[in-house]
Each structure stands twice: as C-alpha cells, then as structure tokens.
C-alpha atoms as a PDB file:
ATOM      1  CA  MET A   1      49.663  29.625 -51.658  1.00  0.00           C
ATOM      2  CA  THR A   2      50.420  26.153 -53.355  1.00  0.00           C
ATOM      3  CA  SER A   3      48.060  23.533 -53.979  1.00  0.00           C
ATOM      4  CA  PRO A   4      48.913  19.522 -53.778  1.00  0.00           C
ATOM      5  CA  PRO A   5      49.841  17.636 -56.639  1.00  0.00           C
ATOM      6  CA  GLN A   6      47.112  17.059 -59.027  1.00  0.00           C
ATOM      7  CA  SER A   7      48.393  13.886 -60.520  1.00  0.00           C
ATOM      8  CA  ARG A   8      48.444  10.402 -58.013  1.00  0.00           C
ATOM      9  CA  PRO A   9      51.704   8.966 -57.223  1.00  0.00           C
ATOM     10  CA  PRO A  10      52.372   5.639 -56.633  1.00  0.00           C
ATOM     11  CA  TRP A  11      52.461   5.547 -53.203  1.00  0.00           C
ATOM     12  CA  ARG A  12      49.504   7.266 -50.929  1.00  0.00           C
ATOM     13  CA  TYR A  13      49.958   9.995 -48.475  1.00  0.00           C
ATOM     14  CA  PRO A  14      49.847   9.690 -45.101  1.00  0.00           C
ATOM     15  CA  ARG A  15      46.788   9.763 -43.148  1.00  0.00           C
ATOM     16  CA  ALA A  16      46.191   9.981 -39.569  1.00  0.00           C
ATOM     17  CA  TYR A  17      42.757   8.323 -38.028  1.00  0.00           C
ATOM     18  CA  LEU A  18      41.155  10.664 -36.032  1.00  0.00           C
ATOM     19  CA  ASP A  19      39.667   8.657 -32.597  1.00  0.00           C
ATOM     20  CA  THR A  20      38.589  11.742 -31.414  1.00  0.00           C
ATOM     21  CA  LYS A  21      35.938  14.804 -32.590  1.00  0.00           C
ATOM     22  CA  HIS A  22      37.522  16.849 -34.386  1.00  0.00           C
ATOM     23  CA  PRO A  23      34.763  19.880 -35.240  1.00  0.00           C
ATOM     24  CA  ILE A  24      35.581  21.213 -39.007  1.00  0.00           C
ATOM     25  CA  VAL A  25      33.360  23.638 -40.584  1.00  0.00           C
ATOM     26  CA  LEU A  26      32.074  23.936 -44.315  1.00  0.00           C
ATOM     27  CA  ARG A  27      31.148  26.897 -45.752  1.00  0.00           C
ATOM     28  CA  PHE A  28      29.649  26.978 -49.372  1.00  0.00           C
ATOM     29  CA  PRO A  29      29.574  29.801 -51.779  1.00  0.00           C
ATOM     30  CA  ASN A  30      26.633  31.722 -51.279  1.00  0.00           C
ATOM     31  CA  GLY A  31      27.458  31.699 -47.561  1.00  0.00           C
ATOM     32  CA  HIS A  32      25.763  28.704 -45.731  1.00  0.00           C
ATOM     33  CA  SER A  33      27.810  26.926 -43.199  1.00  0.00           C
ATOM     34  CA  ILE A  34      26.955  23.134 -42.072  1.00  0.00           C
ATOM     35  CA  GLY A  35      29.299  21.661 -38.815  1.00  0.00           C
ATOM     36  CA  ALA A  36      31.062  18.281 -39.138  1.00  0.00           C
ATOM     37  CA  ASN A  37      33.849  16.194 -37.703  1.00  0.00           C
ATOM     38  CA  LEU A  38      36.790  15.441 -39.651  1.00  0.00           C
ATOM     39  CA  ASN A  39      37.338  11.348 -39.003  1.00  0.00           C
ATOM     40  CA  VAL A  40      40.229  11.080 -41.224  1.00  0.00           C
ATOM     41  CA  ILE A  41      43.364  13.753 -42.889  1.00  0.00           C
ATOM     42  CA  SER A  42      46.063  13.637 -44.799  1.00  0.00           C
ATOM     43  CA  LEU A  43      47.684  16.720 -47.194  1.00  0.00           C
ATOM     44  CA  THR A  44      45.077  16.423 -50.336  1.00  0.00           C
ATOM     45  CA  GLY A  45      41.811  15.622 -47.880  1.00  0.00           C
ATOM     46  CA  GLY A  46      40.356  13.952 -45.639  1.00  0.00           C
ATOM     47  CA  LEU A  47      36.581  12.844 -44.434  1.00  0.00           C
ATOM     48  CA  VAL A  48      34.359  14.066 -42.856  1.00  0.00           C
ATOM     49  CA  SER A  49      31.054  12.533 -40.376  1.00  0.00           C
ATOM     50  CA  LEU A  50      28.281  14.917 -41.244  1.00  0.00           C
ATOM     51  CA  SER A  51      24.458  15.682 -39.815  1.00  0.00           C
ATOM     52  CA  LYS A  52      23.606  14.898 -44.147  1.00  0.00           C
ATOM     53  CA  SER A  53      25.945  14.555 -47.000  1.00  0.00           C
ATOM     54  CA  VAL A  54      26.388  17.329 -49.642  1.00  0.00           C
ATOM     55  CA  ASP A  55      26.150  17.315 -53.030  1.00  0.00           C
ATOM     56  CA  GLN A  56      29.233  15.712 -55.057  1.00  0.00           C
ATOM     57  CA  GLY A  57      30.894  18.175 -56.936  1.00  0.00           C
ATOM     58  CA  SER A  58      30.454  21.046 -54.135  1.00  0.00           C
ATOM     59  CA  GLN A  59      33.096  23.406 -53.931  1.00  0.00           C
ATOM     60  CA  VAL A  60      33.806  24.557 -50.069  1.00  0.00           C
ATOM     61  CA  ARG A  61      35.991  26.333 -47.636  1.00  0.00           C
ATOM     62  CA  LEU A  62      37.109  24.226 -44.955  1.00  0.00           C
ATOM     63  CA  MET A  63      38.437  25.267 -41.588  1.00  0.00           C
ATOM     64  CA  PHE A  64      39.510  23.437 -38.228  1.00  0.00           C
ATOM     65  CA  LEU A  65      41.380  23.794 -35.369  1.00  0.00           C
ATOM     66  CA  THR A  66      44.717  20.879 -34.851  1.00  0.00           C
ATOM     67  CA  GLU A  67      47.170  20.361 -31.885  1.00  0.00           C
ATOM     68  CA  VAL A  68      50.060  22.546 -34.016  1.00  0.00           C
ATOM     69  CA  GLY A  69      46.661  25.583 -35.240  1.00  0.00           C
ATOM     70  CA  SER A  70      44.533  26.416 -37.533  1.00  0.00           C
ATOM     71  CA  VAL A  71      43.612  25.147 -40.884  1.00  0.00           C
ATOM     72  CA  PHE A  72      42.071  26.750 -43.760  1.00  0.00           C
ATOM     73  CA  GLY A  73      41.478  25.668 -47.612  1.00  0.00           C
ATOM     74  CA  GLY A  74      39.469  25.337 -50.547  1.00  0.00           C
ATOM     75  CA  ALA A  75      37.947  21.951 -51.305  1.00  0.00           C
ATOM     76  CA  GLU A  76      36.034  19.791 -53.661  1.00  0.00           C
ATOM     77  CA  MET A  77      33.554  16.964 -51.735  1.00  0.00           C
ATOM     78  CA  LEU A  78      33.491  13.898 -53.297  1.00  0.00           C
ATOM     79  CA  PRO A  79      31.027  10.994 -53.695  1.00  0.00           C
ATOM     80  CA  PRO A  80      29.359  10.287 -49.992  1.00  0.00           C
ATOM     81  CA  VAL A  81      31.129   6.840 -48.787  1.00  0.00           C
ATOM     82  CA  SER A  82      27.969   6.628 -46.854  1.00  0.00           C
ATOM     83  CA  ASP A  83      24.483   8.501 -45.545  1.00  0.00           C
ATOM     84  CA  THR A  84      26.791  11.020 -42.602  1.00  0.00           C
ATOM     85  CA  LEU A  85      30.250  10.065 -44.024  1.00  0.00           C
ATOM     86  CA  GLN A  86      31.811  12.233 -47.109  1.00  0.00           C
ATOM     87  CA  PRO A  87      35.373  12.166 -48.564  1.00  0.00           C
ATOM     88  CA  PHE A  88      36.434  15.281 -49.683  1.00  0.00           C
ATOM     89  CA  ARG A  89      39.964  16.523 -51.755  1.00  0.00           C
ATOM     90  CA  PHE A  90      42.274  20.058 -51.803  1.00  0.00           C
ATOM     91  CA  THR A  91      41.245  22.050 -54.045  1.00  0.00           C
ATOM     92  CA  TRP A  92      43.921  24.656 -52.721  1.00  0.00           C
ATOM     93  CA  LEU A  93      45.939  24.318 -49.313  1.00  0.00           C
ATOM     94  CA  PRO A  94      47.975  27.637 -47.776  1.00  0.00           C
ATOM     95  CA  ALA A  95      51.942  26.571 -47.497  1.00  0.00           C
ATOM     96  CA  ASP A  96      51.820  27.376 -43.930  1.00  0.00           C
ATOM     97  CA  ASP A  97      48.326  25.207 -43.714  1.00  0.00           C
ATOM     98  CA  GLN A  98      49.991  22.728 -45.775  1.00  0.00           C
ATOM     99  CA  ARG A  99      52.746  23.046 -43.136  1.00  0.00           C
ATOM    100  CA  ARG A 100      50.492  22.684 -40.110  1.00  0.00           C
ATOM    101  CA  LEU A 101      48.580  20.083 -41.587  1.00  0.00           C
ATOM    102  CA  GLY A 102      51.974  17.367 -42.206  1.00  0.00           C
ATOM    103  CA  ALA A 103      53.100  18.081 -38.877  1.00  0.00           C
ATOM    104  CA  LEU A 104      49.570  17.311 -37.426  1.00  0.00           C
ATOM    105  CA  ILE A 105      49.666  13.800 -39.585  1.00  0.00           C
ATOM    106  CA  GLY A 106      53.632  13.562 -38.979  1.00  0.00           C
ATOM    107  CA  GLU A 107      52.984  13.780 -35.375  1.00  0.00           C
ATOM    108  CA  TRP A 108      50.461  11.782 -35.509  1.00  0.00           C
ATOM    109  CA  SER A 109      51.535   8.539 -37.674  1.00  0.00           C
ATOM    110  CA  GLN A 110      54.784   8.885 -35.416  1.00  0.00           C
ATOM    111  CA  ASN A 111      53.647   8.725 -31.674  1.00  0.00           C
ATOM    112  CA  LYS A 112      51.555   5.664 -34.029  1.00  0.00           C
ATOM    113  CA  ALA A 113      54.354   4.402 -34.734  1.00  0.00           C
ATOM    114  CA  GLU A 114      56.260   4.583 -31.943  1.00  0.00           C
ATOM    115  CA  LEU A 115      53.731   3.419 -29.339  1.00  0.00           C
ATOM    116  CA  ALA A 116      53.580   0.184 -32.270  1.00  0.00           C
ATOM    117  CA  TRP A 117      57.561  -0.158 -31.051  1.00  0.00           C
ATOM    118  CA  ILE A 118      57.471   0.559 -27.847  1.00  0.00           C
ATOM    119  CA  GLU A 119      54.811  -2.673 -27.523  1.00  0.00           C
ATOM    120  CA  LYS A 120      56.331  -4.651 -29.851  1.00  0.00           C
ATOM    121  CA  LEU A 121      60.141  -4.495 -27.422  1.00  0.00           C
ATOM    122  CA  ARG A 122      58.328  -4.504 -24.020  1.00  0.00           C
ATOM    123  CA  ALA A 123      55.983  -7.908 -26.304  1.00  0.00           C
ATOM    124  CA  ALA A 124      59.240  -9.448 -26.536  1.00  0.00           C
ATOM    125  CA  SER A 125      61.347  -8.286 -23.305  1.00  0.00           C
ATOM    126  CA  ALA A 126      58.794  -9.736 -21.998  1.00  0.00           C
ATOM    127  CA  ALA A 127      58.302 -13.202 -23.565  1.00  0.00           C
ATOM    128  CA  GLN A 128      62.495 -13.573 -23.034  1.00  0.00           C
ATOM    129  CA  TYR A 129      61.804 -12.802 -19.371  1.00  0.00           C
ATOM    130  CA  ASN A 130      58.571 -15.501 -18.749  1.00  0.00           C
ATOM    131  CA  LYS A 131      60.999 -18.359 -20.318  1.00  0.00           C
ATOM    132  CA  PRO A 132      62.159 -21.048 -18.471  1.00  0.00           C
ATOM    133  CA  ALA A 133      65.351 -21.131 -17.287  1.00  0.00           C
ATOM    134  CA  PHE A 134      65.968 -24.796 -17.795  1.00  0.00           C
ATOM    135  CA  TRP A 135      69.308 -24.172 -20.447  1.00  0.00           C
ATOM    136  CA  ARG A 136      70.444 -22.787 -17.001  1.00  0.00           C
ATOM    137  CA  PHE A 137      70.180 -25.639 -15.160  1.00  0.00           C
ATOM    138  CA  LYS A 138      70.774 -28.241 -17.897  1.00  0.00           C
ATOM    139  CA  ARG A 139      74.260 -25.836 -18.431  1.00  0.00           C
ATOM    140  CA  ALA A 140      75.685 -26.067 -14.434  1.00  0.00           C
ATOM    141  CA  GLY A 141      74.401 -29.996 -14.667  1.00  0.00           C
ATOM    142  CA  VAL A 142      77.011 -30.318 -17.601  1.00  0.00           C
ATOM    143  CA  ILE A 143      79.786 -28.459 -15.412  1.00  0.00           C
ATOM    144  CA  GLY A 144      78.991 -30.278 -12.481  1.00  0.00           C
ATOM    145  CA  LEU A 145      78.362 -33.834 -14.428  1.00  0.00           C
ATOM    146  CA  LEU A 146      82.977 -33.236 -15.919  1.00  0.00           C
ATOM    147  CA  THR A 147      83.692 -31.245 -12.770  1.00  0.00           C
ATOM    148  CA  VAL A 148      83.260 -35.026 -10.798  1.00  0.00           C
ATOM    149  CA  THR A 149      84.629 -37.008 -13.538  1.00  0.00           C
ATOM    150  CA  LEU A 150      87.958 -34.725 -13.652  1.00  0.00           C
ATOM    151  CA  ALA A 151      88.178 -35.282 -10.106  1.00  0.00           C
ATOM    152  CA  VAL A 152      87.121 -38.880  -9.944  1.00  0.00           C
ATOM    153  CA  ALA A 153      89.424 -39.678 -13.169  1.00  0.00           C
ATOM    154  CA  SER A 154      92.451 -37.537 -11.078  1.00  0.00           C
ATOM    155  CA  TYR A 155      91.925 -39.278  -8.257  1.00  0.00           C
ATOM    156  CA  LEU A 156      91.824 -42.599  -9.573  1.00  0.00           C
ATOM    157  CA  LEU A 157      95.033 -41.457 -12.285  1.00  0.00           C
ATOM    158  CA  GLY A 158      96.694 -40.551  -8.598  1.00  0.00           C
ATOM    159  CA  PHE A 159      95.701 -44.001  -6.650  1.00  0.00           C
ATOM    160  CA  VAL A 160      97.169 -46.158  -9.871  1.00  0.00           C
ATOM    161  CA  LEU A 161     100.079 -44.399 -10.113  1.00  0.00           C
ATOM    162  CA  LEU A 162     101.737 -44.662  -6.343  1.00  0.00           C
ATOM    163  CA  LYS A 163     101.000 -48.394  -6.811  1.00  0.00           C
END
C-alpha cells in the first residue's frame, strides 16, 4: 500500500473535471455511509457533491467506479467550499488503485488535450482555406504582364533590327 506524497510539489497534480455523474460512497468508521457525486479527482484528492457537508477532519473510506476499474482508499474531509461541495484529500491509496486513478486522469486529460489540439488545427485549416485567393490573381497578372512586355519588346527589337 502506498500513500500520496505529503509535501506540496511546486506544481499541481493533474485533475480530471468530471462532467457526468460519478457516484461515490463515503463510509465512516462507525459504519455509516453516504452517497455523493464525484466532481473533480486527482492523485491527491478531489471534490464531492453531497446533499449535506460532513465535519471537517472526518476520516472516511471512499469507493467509486471508473471506466478503468474501481478505486478504494482512505481520505480526510477538508473544509466545505459550499453547502453541497466538499473537498477531500487521500490519506492512503493502494498502488493498484493509484494506477487506475492515474490512468483515468491521464486518459481524461489526454483526450481533452487531443480534442483541443484537433480543434485548433481545424480552425487554422479552415482559416487558411477561407482566405481570399487575391494573391493568386496578382501573381498571374504580374506573370501575364511580364510575358506580354517581353513579347512586345522582342517584336519591337526584331522590327528595329530588320530595318
């Protein structure tokens, strides 16, 4: 069993901001459990949506399912940010669950980053194809003018040399 690092790194751990409902169960040491929805998750903790916040500092075991498997770990509830939103930090998380959670966060953020990159490329491509092609007409006009000028000059030079 491994636990997340206790000291704060100079950067933030990647987070997955979940846009659909992800049910989570919080189980207290006395056996009481409550259901909630997981809104944000990282390797160090997350944010849950509860019907009523729980006491700050409460030790809970939490369980939730992801696309890559179930996650089970221990957490400490942090001060609520609103009546229904409360953050938590992991106090322990088995290595297998940590890998599943990392895969979920990496997959989610990678897909999000890839989609943003694809949209950026599409926008740049569309902007390039939607530009007016005036420069093509200008180039054709310059080439045509040069051709006519050379033809007239060679005709006049030939006319002058023949006389």
